Amino acid sequence: MKALLKTLSVVSLLTAGITVAQAADTTWTFDGSNMTTTGSHYGNTLTKTVNGSTVTINSFSDSYRGAGGYVNSAMTGIYSGGLGITGHYYDQHTIDNYSGTDMLLFDFGSAVSLAGVDIGYVRDGYNSDVSIAAFDTLTGLDRTSWGAVLDNAIFKTSFADVENNPITTIATEARYWLIGAYNSVFGGDSESGYDKFKILALQTNDPVDVPAPATALLMVFGLGLVGLRRRQK
């Protein structure tokens, strides 16, 4: 009995010494620092690196040939208020739904959860309603519709007035996050009127995993307790 208790004590101490992986919050600020641009005009790609991790950013809009057209590559710009989009049809340098809907696609390389969206600029007289969708896998968006894109979404919704009502953590974990101006096919909440804003930053959380050694030790500890209770009976 004493030997078993001693063994269990050692296992308990070893387990206590192992730190379980915690959600690592990352803030991605799109102010131009640690950012690169490849390509040009419609279809350019931005990358942002923070603490060795990189997110790739592309923009899309269905403003080609007027509102309600097919989804097409757009141009992503870095401005004082953050990221904005220039579509084929309507040039405002904002993420808007004035003549078609503008969306940014963020590829984090691995699954993350979204903890916040910081709006850096809202044009006077317009709103900051944000539509969001998450994907495990995603094929090309060009020459399709937002409805078809959302067929593969594992999460989709919209948030009203994000400038004044910040988004809290979305528990969904996904590699791809599509974020842009309000679009009714995403569902969720909105205010009346058009949206025109820029995204200054995102906050993400990495998944929480228990390291394999800690899991094994916890199992041993649990089995030991079961054995001890049986012997006591």
Protein backbone atom coordinates (compact mmCIF):
# COMPACT_ATOMS: atom_id res chain seq x y z
CA MET A 1 0.00 0.00 0.00
CA LYS A 2 2.76 2.46 0.96
CA ALA A 3 4.66 1.62 -2.24
CA LEU A 4 1.58 2.31 -4.34
CA LEU A 5 0.92 5.60 -2.60
CA LYS A 6 4.54 6.59 -3.12
CA THR A 7 4.32 5.77 -6.83
CA LEU A 8 1.13 7.75 -7.20
CA SER A 9 2.73 10.71 -5.44
CA VAL A 10 5.65 10.68 -7.87
CA VAL A 11 3.29 10.53 -10.85
CA SER A 12 1.28 13.40 -9.42
CA LEU A 13 4.38 15.55 -9.02
CA LEU A 14 5.55 14.78 -12.57
CA THR A 15 2.16 15.62 -13.97
CA ALA A 16 2.02 18.88 -12.06
CA GLY A 17 5.37 19.82 -13.58
CA ILE A 18 4.08 19.59 -17.12
CA THR A 19 2.44 22.71 -18.47
CA VAL A 20 -0.69 22.06 -20.47
CA ALA A 21 -0.66 24.05 -23.71
CA GLN A 22 -2.76 27.19 -23.37
CA ALA A 23 -4.41 29.32 -26.02
CA ALA A 24 -1.73 31.64 -27.37
CA ASP A 25 -3.36 34.95 -28.28
CA THR A 26 -1.89 36.61 -31.36
CA THR A 27 -2.65 40.14 -32.54
CA TRP A 28 -2.22 40.74 -36.26
CA THR A 29 -1.96 44.49 -36.87
CA PHE A 30 -2.17 45.47 -40.53
CA ASP A 31 -0.19 48.70 -40.48
CA GLY A 32 2.45 47.66 -43.00
CA SER A 33 5.03 46.40 -40.51
CA ASN A 34 6.33 42.89 -41.18
CA MET A 35 4.11 42.77 -44.26
CA THR A 36 4.96 41.98 -47.86
CA THR A 37 3.01 42.29 -51.11
CA THR A 38 3.32 40.07 -54.16
CA GLY A 39 1.54 40.44 -57.48
CA SER A 40 -0.11 43.64 -58.55
CA HIS A 41 -3.52 45.17 -59.09
CA TYR A 42 -6.43 42.74 -58.89
CA GLY A 43 -5.35 39.50 -57.27
CA ASN A 44 -2.37 40.72 -55.24
CA THR A 45 -1.40 38.80 -52.10
CA LEU A 46 -0.35 40.25 -48.73
CA THR A 47 1.49 38.39 -45.99
CA LYS A 48 1.90 39.37 -42.35
CA THR A 49 4.35 37.71 -39.93
CA VAL A 50 4.03 37.78 -36.14
CA ASN A 51 6.37 35.80 -33.86
CA GLY A 52 7.27 33.38 -36.63
CA SER A 53 3.67 32.76 -37.74
CA THR A 54 2.38 34.06 -41.07
CA VAL A 55 -1.07 34.88 -42.40
CA THR A 56 -1.73 35.23 -46.13
CA ILE A 57 -4.38 37.71 -47.26
CA ASN A 58 -6.32 37.98 -50.52
CA SER A 59 -9.40 40.03 -51.32
CA PHE A 60 -12.49 39.31 -53.37
CA SER A 61 -15.53 41.27 -54.48
CA ASP A 62 -18.70 40.63 -56.45
CA SER A 63 -18.74 44.23 -57.67
CA TYR A 64 -17.47 43.30 -61.14
CA ARG A 65 -19.96 44.70 -63.67
CA GLY A 66 -22.11 46.04 -60.86
CA ALA A 67 -23.68 44.73 -57.68
CA GLY A 68 -24.57 41.05 -57.57
CA GLY A 69 -22.02 39.92 -60.13
CA TYR A 70 -19.83 36.87 -59.71
CA VAL A 71 -17.08 36.82 -57.10
CA ASN A 72 -13.79 38.02 -58.55
CA SER A 73 -10.28 38.73 -57.26
CA ALA A 74 -9.84 42.29 -56.00
CA MET A 75 -6.90 44.39 -54.85
CA THR A 76 -5.96 44.60 -51.17
CA GLY A 77 -4.44 47.85 -49.95
CA ILE A 78 -2.77 48.90 -46.69
CA TYR A 79 -3.99 52.31 -45.51
CA SER A 80 -3.78 54.41 -42.36
CA GLY A 81 -7.01 52.83 -41.12
CA GLY A 82 -5.94 49.30 -41.99
CA LEU A 83 -6.82 46.98 -44.87
CA GLY A 84 -9.13 48.13 -47.65
CA ILE A 85 -10.26 46.70 -50.98
CA THR A 86 -10.39 48.05 -54.50
CA GLY A 87 -12.87 46.15 -56.64
CA HIS A 88 -13.17 46.14 -60.41
CA TYR A 89 -16.28 48.28 -60.51
CA TYR A 90 -16.29 50.65 -57.55
CA ASP A 91 -13.11 52.20 -56.11
CA GLN A 92 -13.46 53.43 -52.52
CA HIS A 93 -10.43 51.76 -50.86
CA THR A 94 -12.80 50.50 -48.18
CA ILE A 95 -14.35 47.14 -47.41
CA ASP A 96 -17.91 47.90 -48.45
CA ASN A 97 -21.18 46.61 -49.86
CA TYR A 98 -22.11 49.74 -51.78
CA SER A 99 -21.90 48.08 -55.19
CA GLY A 100 -21.37 44.43 -54.45
CA THR A 101 -19.74 42.93 -51.35
CA ASP A 102 -16.02 43.10 -50.51
CA MET A 103 -14.40 40.31 -48.47
CA LEU A 104 -10.89 39.55 -47.20
CA LEU A 105 -9.68 35.95 -47.09
CA PHE A 106 -7.19 35.19 -44.29
CA ASP A 107 -5.20 31.93 -44.52
CA PHE A 108 -3.43 31.24 -41.21
CA GLY A 109 -1.78 28.03 -42.40
CA SER A 110 -3.35 26.02 -39.56
CA ALA A 111 -6.53 26.13 -37.50
CA VAL A 112 -7.10 29.12 -35.21
CA SER A 113 -10.13 30.62 -33.53
CA LEU A 114 -11.05 34.25 -34.07
CA ALA A 115 -10.94 36.39 -30.92
CA GLY A 116 -11.58 39.86 -32.32
CA VAL A 117 -11.80 42.20 -35.30
CA ASP A 118 -10.55 45.79 -34.89
CA ILE A 119 -12.13 48.38 -37.17
CA GLY A 120 -9.65 51.17 -37.90
CA TYR A 121 -11.83 53.42 -40.03
CA VAL A 122 -15.51 53.87 -40.86
CA ARG A 123 -16.55 56.39 -43.50
CA ASP A 124 -18.91 59.07 -42.20
CA GLY A 125 -22.54 58.17 -42.74
CA TYR A 126 -21.87 54.44 -43.15
CA ASN A 127 -21.86 51.38 -40.87
CA SER A 128 -19.40 48.71 -39.75
CA ASP A 129 -21.49 45.52 -40.03
CA VAL A 130 -19.16 42.56 -40.57
CA SER A 131 -19.92 39.16 -42.15
CA ILE A 132 -17.65 36.24 -41.28
CA ALA A 133 -17.27 32.64 -42.47
CA ALA A 134 -14.77 29.92 -41.53
CA PHE A 135 -13.49 27.00 -43.61
CA ASP A 136 -11.35 23.91 -43.04
CA THR A 137 -10.67 23.66 -46.78
CA LEU A 138 -11.31 26.16 -49.52
CA THR A 139 -10.95 26.06 -53.29
CA GLY A 140 -10.79 29.01 -55.66
CA LEU A 141 -13.35 31.77 -55.17
CA ASP A 142 -13.07 33.36 -58.61
CA ARG A 143 -16.08 33.25 -60.94
CA THR A 144 -18.46 31.85 -58.33
CA SER A 145 -21.09 33.26 -55.96
CA TRP A 146 -21.02 33.93 -52.22
CA GLY A 147 -23.76 31.34 -51.77
CA ALA A 148 -21.64 28.69 -53.49
CA VAL A 149 -18.60 29.68 -51.43
CA LEU A 150 -20.57 29.27 -48.21
CA ASP A 151 -21.57 25.72 -49.09
CA ASN A 152 -18.26 24.59 -47.55
CA ALA A 153 -18.33 26.91 -44.53
CA ILE A 154 -18.19 25.37 -41.05
CA PHE A 155 -19.27 28.69 -39.53
CA LYS A 156 -20.99 31.79 -40.89
CA THR A 157 -22.75 34.81 -39.39
CA SER A 158 -22.76 38.62 -39.30
CA PHE A 159 -22.20 41.16 -36.53
CA ALA A 160 -23.78 44.61 -36.43
CA ASP A 161 -21.83 47.83 -35.68
CA VAL A 162 -18.52 46.13 -34.87
CA GLU A 163 -16.81 49.49 -34.38
CA ASN A 164 -18.89 50.05 -31.23
CA ASN A 165 -19.79 46.44 -30.40
CA PRO A 166 -16.54 44.43 -30.58
CA ILE A 167 -16.67 40.78 -31.61
CA THR A 168 -15.86 38.36 -28.80
CA THR A 169 -14.18 34.99 -29.26
CA ILE A 170 -15.68 32.68 -31.87
CA ALA A 171 -15.06 29.14 -30.63
CA THR A 172 -14.83 27.66 -34.14
CA GLU A 173 -11.30 26.66 -35.16
CA ALA A 174 -10.46 26.94 -38.86
CA ARG A 175 -7.54 27.62 -41.18
CA TYR A 176 -9.42 30.01 -43.49
CA TRP A 177 -11.45 33.01 -42.33
CA LEU A 178 -13.47 35.13 -44.77
CA ILE A 179 -14.23 38.56 -43.30
CA GLY A 180 -15.87 41.54 -44.95
CA ALA A 181 -18.84 43.86 -45.30
CA TYR A 182 -22.31 42.63 -44.40
CA ASN A 183 -23.87 40.19 -46.84
CA SER A 184 -27.32 38.77 -46.14
CA VAL A 185 -26.37 35.25 -47.33
CA PHE A 186 -24.08 34.97 -44.27
CA GLY A 187 -27.03 35.47 -41.91
CA GLY A 188 -26.65 37.20 -38.55
CA ASP A 189 -27.29 40.81 -37.56
CA SER A 190 -26.96 44.14 -39.36
CA GLU A 191 -28.06 47.74 -39.25
CA SER A 192 -29.86 49.42 -42.11
CA GLY A 193 -27.74 51.15 -44.72
CA TYR A 194 -24.40 50.50 -46.37
CA ASP A 195 -21.09 49.54 -44.74
CA LYS A 196 -17.71 51.12 -45.52
CA PHE A 197 -14.78 50.38 -43.22
CA LYS A 198 -11.18 49.18 -42.97
CA ILE A 199 -9.82 46.37 -40.79
CA LEU A 200 -6.87 47.41 -38.67
CA ALA A 201 -6.21 44.18 -36.77
CA LEU A 202 -7.37 40.66 -35.92
CA GLN A 203 -6.90 38.66 -32.75
CA THR A 204 -6.61 34.87 -32.95
CA ASN A 205 -6.17 31.99 -30.52
CA ASP A 206 -4.28 28.80 -31.22
CA PRO A 207 -6.01 25.51 -30.32
CA VAL A 208 -5.51 24.18 -26.78
CA ASP A 209 -3.90 20.72 -26.73
CA VAL A 210 -2.79 18.51 -23.85
CA PRO A 211 0.75 17.22 -24.58
CA ALA A 212 0.95 13.44 -25.04
CA PRO A 213 3.35 12.85 -22.07
CA ALA A 214 1.01 14.68 -19.72
CA THR A 215 -1.95 12.70 -21.02
CA ALA A 216 -0.14 9.40 -20.45
CA LEU A 217 0.85 10.32 -16.91
CA LEU A 218 -2.67 11.39 -16.09
CA MET A 219 -3.93 8.01 -17.32
CA VAL A 220 -1.40 6.19 -15.13
CA PHE A 221 -2.42 8.28 -12.16
CA GLY A 222 -6.09 7.50 -12.77
CA LEU A 223 -5.47 3.76 -13.11
CA GLY A 224 -3.47 3.83 -9.92
CA LEU A 225 -6.33 5.41 -8.04
CA VAL A 226 -8.71 2.75 -9.34
CA GLY A 227 -6.35 0.01 -8.17
CA LEU A 228 -5.99 1.64 -4.75
CA ARG A 229 -9.75 1.82 -4.25
CA ARG A 230 -10.13 -1.86 -5.19
CA ARG A 231 -7.45 -2.93 -2.71
CA GLN A 232 -9.09 -0.89 0.02
CA LYS A 233 -12.34 -2.77 -0.58
